[in-house]
Amino acid sequence: MSEKWVNRLSDDLDEAGVKEECPRCAQTEWNAQPMHLWVTVGDEPPTNLLGEVKDYFPLAAVVCTNCGFVAFHAGLNE
């Protein structure tokens, strides 16, 4: 994960007024990773016949390093 990505995530969360404290244990140490969420509609598989992913969007998974609470934040690209 790039430093630019981490800085953008931090800036975006600060702008949104997100609190640093974990809602479960109140500690303030987090680990963040970029990821993609695949969207499945109805009974359709998330890939086409060639195995290519059809629909996804970028997310940041932010994990509390104390209790493991996970929060997802949408709209971020690495």
PDB file of N, CA and C in Angstrom:
ATOM      1  N   MET A   1       0.844  -1.161   0.000  1.00  0.00           N
ATOM      2  CA  MET A   1       0.000   0.000   0.000  1.00  0.00           C
ATOM      3  C   MET A   1       0.894   1.230   0.000  1.00  0.00           C
ATOM      4  N   SER A   2       0.593   2.159  -0.857  1.00  0.00           N
ATOM      5  CA  SER A   2       1.442   3.333  -1.010  1.00  0.00           C
ATOM      6  C   SER A   2       1.178   4.374   0.080  1.00  0.00           C
ATOM      7  N   GLU A   3       2.193   5.187   0.351  1.00  0.00           N
ATOM      8  CA  GLU A   3       2.054   6.270   1.326  1.00  0.00           C
ATOM      9  C   GLU A   3       0.990   7.265   0.861  1.00  0.00           C
ATOM     10  N   LYS A   4       0.928   7.484  -0.456  1.00  0.00           N
ATOM     11  CA  LYS A   4      -0.078   8.393  -1.021  1.00  0.00           C
ATOM     12  C   LYS A   4      -1.490   7.884  -0.708  1.00  0.00           C
ATOM     13  N   TRP A   5      -1.707   6.579  -0.847  1.00  0.00           N
ATOM     14  CA  TRP A   5      -3.014   5.984  -0.577  1.00  0.00           C
ATOM     15  C   TRP A   5      -3.377   6.157   0.903  1.00  0.00           C
ATOM     16  N   VAL A   6      -2.427   5.878   1.802  1.00  0.00           N
ATOM     17  CA  VAL A   6      -2.666   6.024   3.239  1.00  0.00           C
ATOM     18  C   VAL A   6      -2.999   7.472   3.583  1.00  0.00           C
ATOM     19  N   ASN A   7      -2.260   8.418   3.009  1.00  0.00           N
ATOM     20  CA  ASN A   7      -2.521   9.836   3.262  1.00  0.00           C
ATOM     21  C   ASN A   7      -3.899  10.247   2.760  1.00  0.00           C
ATOM     22  N   ARG A   8      -4.290   9.744   1.594  1.00  0.00           N
ATOM     23  CA  ARG A   8      -5.607  10.083   1.050  1.00  0.00           C
ATOM     24  C   ARG A   8      -6.704   9.518   1.941  1.00  0.00           C
ATOM     25  N   LEU A   9      -6.536   8.274   2.388  1.00  0.00           N
ATOM     26  CA  LEU A   9      -7.521   7.674   3.286  1.00  0.00           C
ATOM     27  C   LEU A   9      -7.645   8.502   4.559  1.00  0.00           C
ATOM     28  N   SER A  10      -6.524   8.853   5.144  1.00  0.00           N
ATOM     29  CA  SER A  10      -6.523   9.648   6.370  1.00  0.00           C
ATOM     30  C   SER A  10      -7.206  10.995   6.154  1.00  0.00           C
ATOM     31  N   ASP A  11      -6.875  11.659   5.049  1.00  0.00           N
ATOM     32  CA  ASP A  11      -7.488  12.957   4.733  1.00  0.00           C
ATOM     33  C   ASP A  11      -8.998  12.831   4.530  1.00  0.00           C
ATOM     34  N   ASP A  12      -9.417  11.793   3.786  1.00  0.00           N
ATOM     35  CA  ASP A  12     -10.849  11.587   3.529  1.00  0.00           C
ATOM     36  C   ASP A  12     -11.616  11.335   4.822  1.00  0.00           C
ATOM     37  N   LEU A  13     -11.050  10.532   5.712  1.00  0.00           N
ATOM     38  CA  LEU A  13     -11.721  10.234   6.979  1.00  0.00           C
ATOM     39  C   LEU A  13     -11.754  11.458   7.882  1.00  0.00           C
ATOM     40  N   ASP A  14     -10.669  12.238   7.893  1.00  0.00           N
ATOM     41  CA  ASP A  14     -10.644  13.479   8.671  1.00  0.00           C
ATOM     42  C   ASP A  14     -11.710  14.457   8.182  1.00  0.00           C
ATOM     43  N   GLU A  15     -11.797  14.615   6.844  1.00  0.00           N
ATOM     44  CA  GLU A  15     -12.789  15.525   6.257  1.00  0.00           C
ATOM     45  C   GLU A  15     -14.209  15.124   6.609  1.00  0.00           C
ATOM     46  N   ALA A  16     -14.443  13.816   6.701  1.00  0.00           N
ATOM     47  CA  ALA A  16     -15.785  13.312   7.009  1.00  0.00           C
ATOM     48  C   ALA A  16     -16.097  13.378   8.501  1.00  0.00           C
ATOM     49  N   GLY A  17     -15.107  13.735   9.308  1.00  0.00           N
ATOM     50  CA  GLY A  17     -15.325  13.830  10.749  1.00  0.00           C
ATOM     51  C   GLY A  17     -15.348  12.489  11.462  1.00  0.00           C
ATOM     52  N   VAL A  18     -14.712  11.485  10.867  1.00  0.00           N
ATOM     53  CA  VAL A  18     -14.680  10.153  11.474  1.00  0.00           C
ATOM     54  C   VAL A  18     -13.814  10.187  12.732  1.00  0.00           C
ATOM     55  N   LYS A  19     -14.331   9.604  13.808  1.00  0.00           N
ATOM     56  CA  LYS A  19     -13.605   9.557  15.068  1.00  0.00           C
ATOM     57  C   LYS A  19     -12.495   8.511  14.997  1.00  0.00           C
ATOM     58  N   GLU A  20     -11.373   8.787  15.655  1.00  0.00           N
ATOM     59  CA  GLU A  20     -10.251   7.844  15.681  1.00  0.00           C
ATOM     60  C   GLU A  20     -10.516   6.635  16.554  1.00  0.00           C
ATOM     61  N   GLU A  21     -11.348   6.784  17.585  1.00  0.00           N
ATOM     62  CA  GLU A  21     -11.567   5.706  18.535  1.00  0.00           C
ATOM     63  C   GLU A  21     -12.380   4.567  17.923  1.00  0.00           C
ATOM     64  N   CYS A  22     -11.966   3.349  18.218  1.00  0.00           N
ATOM     65  CA  CYS A  22     -12.714   2.167  17.799  1.00  0.00           C
ATOM     66  C   CYS A  22     -14.062   2.160  18.540  1.00  0.00           C
ATOM     67  N   PRO A  23     -15.169   1.918  17.845  1.00  0.00           N
ATOM     68  CA  PRO A  23     -16.472   1.916  18.512  1.00  0.00           C
ATOM     69  C   PRO A  23     -16.668   0.725  19.459  1.00  0.00           C
ATOM     70  N   ARG A  24     -15.804  -0.298  19.349  1.00  0.00           N
ATOM     71  CA  ARG A  24     -15.943  -1.477  20.211  1.00  0.00           C
ATOM     72  C   ARG A  24     -15.065  -1.391  21.455  1.00  0.00           C
ATOM     73  N   CYS A  25     -13.788  -0.956  21.304  1.00  0.00           N
ATOM     74  CA  CYS A  25     -12.854  -1.010  22.438  1.00  0.00           C
ATOM     75  C   CYS A  25     -12.247   0.348  22.789  1.00  0.00           C
ATOM     76  N   ALA A  26     -12.501   1.377  21.994  1.00  0.00           N
ATOM     77  CA  ALA A  26     -12.072   2.762  22.225  1.00  0.00           C
ATOM     78  C   ALA A  26     -10.579   3.013  22.023  1.00  0.00           C
ATOM     79  N   GLN A  27      -9.814   2.046  21.557  1.00  0.00           N
ATOM     80  CA  GLN A  27      -8.399   2.320  21.282  1.00  0.00           C
ATOM     81  C   GLN A  27      -8.284   3.019  19.926  1.00  0.00           C
ATOM     82  N   THR A  28      -7.100   3.540  19.586  1.00  0.00           N
ATOM     83  CA  THR A  28      -6.955   4.379  18.385  1.00  0.00           C
ATOM     84  C   THR A  28      -5.905   3.879  17.398  1.00  0.00           C
ATOM     85  N   GLU A  29      -5.511   2.636  17.479  1.00  0.00           N
ATOM     86  CA  GLU A  29      -4.542   2.079  16.526  1.00  0.00           C
ATOM     87  C   GLU A  29      -5.278   1.251  15.476  1.00  0.00           C
ATOM     88  N   TRP A  30      -5.026   1.580  14.203  1.00  0.00           N
ATOM     89  CA  TRP A  30      -5.727   0.930  13.096  1.00  0.00           C
ATOM     90  C   TRP A  30      -4.738   0.444  12.047  1.00  0.00           C
ATOM     91  N   ASN A  31      -5.145  -0.554  11.276  1.00  0.00           N
ATOM     92  CA  ASN A  31      -4.404  -1.034  10.120  1.00  0.00           C
ATOM     93  C   ASN A  31      -5.368  -0.923   8.943  1.00  0.00           C
ATOM     94  N   ALA A  32      -4.903  -0.399   7.809  1.00  0.00           N
ATOM     95  CA  ALA A  32      -5.780  -0.224   6.647  1.00  0.00           C
ATOM     96  C   ALA A  32      -5.202  -0.952   5.442  1.00  0.00           C
ATOM     97  N   GLN A  33      -6.102  -1.541   4.638  1.00  0.00           N
ATOM     98  CA  GLN A  33      -5.711  -2.241   3.427  1.00  0.00           C
ATOM     99  C   GLN A  33      -6.687  -1.895   2.308  1.00  0.00           C
ATOM    100  N   PRO A  34      -6.170  -1.664   1.097  1.00  0.00           N
ATOM    101  CA  PRO A  34      -7.086  -1.473  -0.034  1.00  0.00           C
ATOM    102  C   PRO A  34      -7.680  -2.820  -0.433  1.00  0.00           C
ATOM    103  N   MET A  35      -8.898  -2.812  -0.931  1.00  0.00           N
ATOM    104  CA  MET A  35      -9.527  -4.038  -1.397  1.00  0.00           C
ATOM    105  C   MET A  35     -10.623  -3.682  -2.390  1.00  0.00           C
ATOM    106  N   HIS A  36     -11.193  -4.695  -3.017  1.00  0.00           N
ATOM    107  CA  HIS A  36     -12.321  -4.501  -3.921  1.00  0.00           C
ATOM    108  C   HIS A  36     -13.475  -5.367  -3.449  1.00  0.00           C
ATOM    109  N   LEU A  37     -14.683  -4.845  -3.529  1.00  0.00           N
ATOM    110  CA  LEU A  37     -15.882  -5.586  -3.195  1.00  0.00           C
ATOM    111  C   LEU A  37     -16.574  -5.941  -4.503  1.00  0.00           C
ATOM    112  N   TRP A  38     -16.834  -7.219  -4.683  1.00  0.00           N
ATOM    113  CA  TRP A  38     -17.544  -7.660  -5.871  1.00  0.00           C
ATOM    114  C   TRP A  38     -19.022  -7.683  -5.581  1.00  0.00           C
ATOM    115  N   VAL A  39     -19.814  -7.144  -6.500  1.00  0.00           N
ATOM    116  CA  VAL A  39     -21.248  -7.027  -6.317  1.00  0.00           C
ATOM    117  C   VAL A  39     -21.946  -8.092  -7.143  1.00  0.00           C
ATOM    118  N   THR A  40     -22.775  -8.890  -6.490  1.00  0.00           N
ATOM    119  CA  THR A  40     -23.551  -9.916  -7.177  1.00  0.00           C
ATOM    120  C   THR A  40     -25.018  -9.526  -7.117  1.00  0.00           C
ATOM    121  N   VAL A  41     -25.681  -9.569  -8.269  1.00  0.00           N
ATOM    122  CA  VAL A  41     -27.096  -9.232  -8.333  1.00  0.00           C
ATOM    123  C   VAL A  41     -27.875 -10.520  -8.580  1.00  0.00           C
ATOM    124  N   GLY A  42     -28.807 -10.830  -7.685  1.00  0.00           N
ATOM    125  CA  GLY A  42     -29.616 -12.038  -7.837  1.00  0.00           C
ATOM    126  C   GLY A  42     -28.770 -13.301  -7.830  1.00  0.00           C
ATOM    127  N   ASP A  43     -29.069 -14.199  -8.758  1.00  0.00           N
ATOM    128  CA  ASP A  43     -28.362 -15.477  -8.841  1.00  0.00           C
ATOM    129  C   ASP A  43     -27.187 -15.454  -9.803  1.00  0.00           C
ATOM    130  N   GLU A  44     -26.855 -14.277 -10.332  1.00  0.00           N
ATOM    131  CA  GLU A  44     -25.765 -14.195 -11.299  1.00  0.00           C
ATOM    132  C   GLU A  44     -24.412 -14.304 -10.603  1.00  0.00           C
ATOM    133  N   PRO A  45     -23.467 -15.043 -11.206  1.00  0.00           N
ATOM    134  CA  PRO A  45     -22.120 -15.113 -10.627  1.00  0.00           C
ATOM    135  C   PRO A  45     -21.396 -13.779 -10.808  1.00  0.00           C
ATOM    136  N   PRO A  46     -20.386 -13.487  -9.961  1.00  0.00           N
ATOM    137  CA  PRO A  46     -19.678 -12.206 -10.064  1.00  0.00           C
ATOM    138  C   PRO A  46     -18.695 -12.140 -11.228  1.00  0.00           C
ATOM    139  N   THR A  47     -18.568 -13.213 -12.014  1.00  0.00           N
ATOM    140  CA  THR A  47     -17.664 -13.207 -13.159  1.00  0.00           C
ATOM    141  C   THR A  47     -18.432 -13.558 -14.430  1.00  0.00           C
ATOM    142  N   ASN A  48     -17.873 -13.169 -15.571  1.00  0.00           N
ATOM    143  CA  ASN A  48     -18.481 -13.548 -16.845  1.00  0.00           C
ATOM    144  C   ASN A  48     -17.923 -14.907 -17.273  1.00  0.00           C
ATOM    145  N   LEU A  49     -18.267 -15.361 -18.463  1.00  0.00           N
ATOM    146  CA  LEU A  49     -17.832 -16.682 -18.928  1.00  0.00           C
ATOM    147  C   LEU A  49     -16.317 -16.798 -19.085  1.00  0.00           C
ATOM    148  N   LEU A  50     -15.628 -15.683 -19.241  1.00  0.00           N
ATOM    149  CA  LEU A  50     -14.167 -15.701 -19.367  1.00  0.00           C
ATOM    150  C   LEU A  50     -13.475 -15.617 -18.003  1.00  0.00           C
ATOM    151  N   GLY A  51     -14.249 -15.561 -16.932  1.00  0.00           N
ATOM    152  CA  GLY A  51     -13.674 -15.471 -15.598  1.00  0.00           C
ATOM    153  C   GLY A  51     -13.312 -14.057 -15.173  1.00  0.00           C
ATOM    154  N   GLU A  52     -13.742 -13.067 -15.967  1.00  0.00           N
ATOM    155  CA  GLU A  52     -13.444 -11.675 -15.631  1.00  0.00           C
ATOM    156  C   GLU A  52     -14.500 -11.148 -14.661  1.00  0.00           C
ATOM    157  N   VAL A  53     -14.058 -10.393 -13.673  1.00  0.00           N
ATOM    158  CA  VAL A  53     -14.986  -9.807 -12.710  1.00  0.00           C
ATOM    159  C   VAL A  53     -15.845  -8.767 -13.426  1.00  0.00           C
ATOM    160  N   LYS A  54     -17.157  -8.832 -13.197  1.00  0.00           N
ATOM    161  CA  LYS A  54     -18.076  -7.925 -13.873  1.00  0.00           C
ATOM    162  C   LYS A  54     -18.239  -6.594 -13.148  1.00  0.00           C
ATOM    163  N   ASP A  55     -18.553  -6.624 -11.885  1.00  0.00           N
ATOM    164  CA  ASP A  55     -18.864  -5.392 -11.159  1.00  0.00           C
ATOM    165  C   ASP A  55     -18.134  -5.367  -9.822  1.00  0.00           C
ATOM    166  N   TYR A  56     -17.386  -4.303  -9.572  1.00  0.00           N
ATOM    167  CA  TYR A  56     -16.720  -4.132  -8.291  1.00  0.00           C
ATOM    168  C   TYR A  56     -16.453  -2.659  -8.053  1.00  0.00           C
ATOM    169  N   PHE A  57     -16.184  -2.318  -6.805  1.00  0.00           N
ATOM    170  CA  PHE A  57     -15.761  -0.954  -6.505  1.00  0.00           C
ATOM    171  C   PHE A  57     -14.702  -0.995  -5.411  1.00  0.00           C
ATOM    172  N   PRO A  58     -13.812  -0.005  -5.394  1.00  0.00           N
ATOM    173  CA  PRO A  58     -12.708  -0.005  -4.436  1.00  0.00           C
ATOM    174  C   PRO A  58     -13.165   0.360  -3.026  1.00  0.00           C
ATOM    175  N   LEU A  59     -12.538  -0.267  -2.045  1.00  0.00           N
ATOM    176  CA  LEU A  59     -12.807  -0.004  -0.633  1.00  0.00           C
ATOM    177  C   LEU A  59     -11.507   0.060   0.138  1.00  0.00           C
ATOM    178  N   ALA A  60     -11.560   0.684   1.283  1.00  0.00           N
ATOM    179  CA  ALA A  60     -10.481   0.570   2.258  1.00  0.00           C
ATOM    180  C   ALA A  60     -11.053  -0.223   3.427  1.00  0.00           C
ATOM    181  N   ALA A  61     -10.378  -1.305   3.797  1.00  0.00           N
ATOM    182  CA  ALA A  61     -10.742  -2.056   4.999  1.00  0.00           C
ATOM    183  C   ALA A  61      -9.870  -1.525   6.125  1.00  0.00           C
ATOM    184  N   VAL A  62     -10.494  -0.973   7.161  1.00  0.00           N
ATOM    185  CA  VAL A  62      -9.779  -0.398   8.291  1.00  0.00           C
ATOM    186  C   VAL A  62     -10.059  -1.304   9.494  1.00  0.00           C
ATOM    187  N   VAL A  63      -8.977  -1.874  10.068  1.00  0.00           N
ATOM    188  CA  VAL A  63      -9.116  -2.888  11.113  1.00  0.00           C
ATOM    189  C   VAL A  63      -8.484  -2.402  12.417  1.00  0.00           C
ATOM    190  N   CYS A  64      -9.222  -2.502  13.501  1.00  0.00           N
ATOM    191  CA  CYS A  64      -8.697  -2.159  14.821  1.00  0.00           C
ATOM    192  C   CYS A  64      -7.634  -3.192  15.195  1.00  0.00           C
ATOM    193  N   THR A  65      -6.448  -2.720  15.583  1.00  0.00           N
ATOM    194  CA  THR A  65      -5.354  -3.638  15.907  1.00  0.00           C
ATOM    195  C   THR A  65      -5.519  -4.265  17.294  1.00  0.00           C
ATOM    196  N   ASN A  66      -6.491  -3.791  18.068  1.00  0.00           N
ATOM    197  CA  ASN A  66      -6.711  -4.354  19.399  1.00  0.00           C
ATOM    198  C   ASN A  66      -7.792  -5.438  19.385  1.00  0.00           C
ATOM    199  N   CYS A  67      -8.990  -5.100  18.884  1.00  0.00           N
ATOM    200  CA  CYS A  67     -10.110  -6.043  18.976  1.00  0.00           C
ATOM    201  C   CYS A  67     -10.512  -6.667  17.640  1.00  0.00           C
ATOM    202  N   GLY A  68      -9.992  -6.142  16.529  1.00  0.00           N
ATOM    203  CA  GLY A  68     -10.310  -6.708  15.219  1.00  0.00           C
ATOM    204  C   GLY A  68     -11.551  -6.147  14.564  1.00  0.00           C
ATOM    205  N   PHE A  69     -12.172  -5.127  15.148  1.00  0.00           N
ATOM    206  CA  PHE A  69     -13.328  -4.499  14.516  1.00  0.00           C
ATOM    207  C   PHE A  69     -12.942  -4.032  13.112  1.00  0.00           C
ATOM    208  N   VAL A  70     -13.819  -4.253  12.126  1.00  0.00           N
ATOM    209  CA  VAL A  70     -13.540  -3.878  10.739  1.00  0.00           C
ATOM    210  C   VAL A  70     -14.564  -2.846  10.270  1.00  0.00           C
ATOM    211  N   ALA A  71     -14.064  -1.779   9.653  1.00  0.00           N
ATOM    212  CA  ALA A  71     -14.916  -0.782   9.018  1.00  0.00           C
ATOM    213  C   ALA A  71     -14.490  -0.674   7.562  1.00  0.00           C
ATOM    214  N   PHE A  72     -15.437  -0.490   6.666  1.00  0.00           N
ATOM    215  CA  PHE A  72     -15.138  -0.324   5.249  1.00  0.00           C
ATOM    216  C   PHE A  72     -15.450   1.109   4.833  1.00  0.00           C
ATOM    217  N   HIS A  73     -14.577   1.689   4.005  1.00  0.00           N
ATOM    218  CA  HIS A  73     -14.773   3.034   3.485  1.00  0.00           C
ATOM    219  C   HIS A  73     -14.679   2.972   1.971  1.00  0.00           C
ATOM    220  N   ALA A  74     -15.736   3.420   1.292  1.00  0.00           N
ATOM    221  CA  ALA A  74     -15.832   3.305  -0.159  1.00  0.00           C
ATOM    222  C   ALA A  74     -15.217   4.506  -0.870  1.00  0.00           C
ATOM    223  N   GLY A  75     -14.902   4.296  -2.153  1.00  0.00           N
ATOM    224  CA  GLY A  75     -14.490   5.396  -3.009  1.00  0.00           C
ATOM    225  C   GLY A  75     -13.016   5.660  -3.056  1.00  0.00           C
ATOM    226  N   LEU A  76     -12.192   4.735  -2.585  1.00  0.00           N
ATOM    227  CA  LEU A  76     -10.747   4.947  -2.593  1.00  0.00           C
ATOM    228  C   LEU A  76     -10.074   4.041  -3.611  1.00  0.00           C
ATOM    229  N   ASN A  77      -9.137   4.591  -4.324  1.00  0.00           N
ATOM    230  CA  ASN A  77      -8.321   3.812  -5.251  1.00  0.00           C
ATOM    231  C   ASN A  77      -6.885   3.853  -4.777  1.00  0.00           C
ATOM    232  N   GLU A  78      -6.172   2.745  -4.977  1.00  0.00           N
ATOM    233  CA  GLU A  78      -4.763   2.727  -4.578  1.00  0.00           C
ATOM    234  C   GLU A  78      -3.950   3.570  -5.530  1.00  0.00           C
TER     235      GLU A  78
END
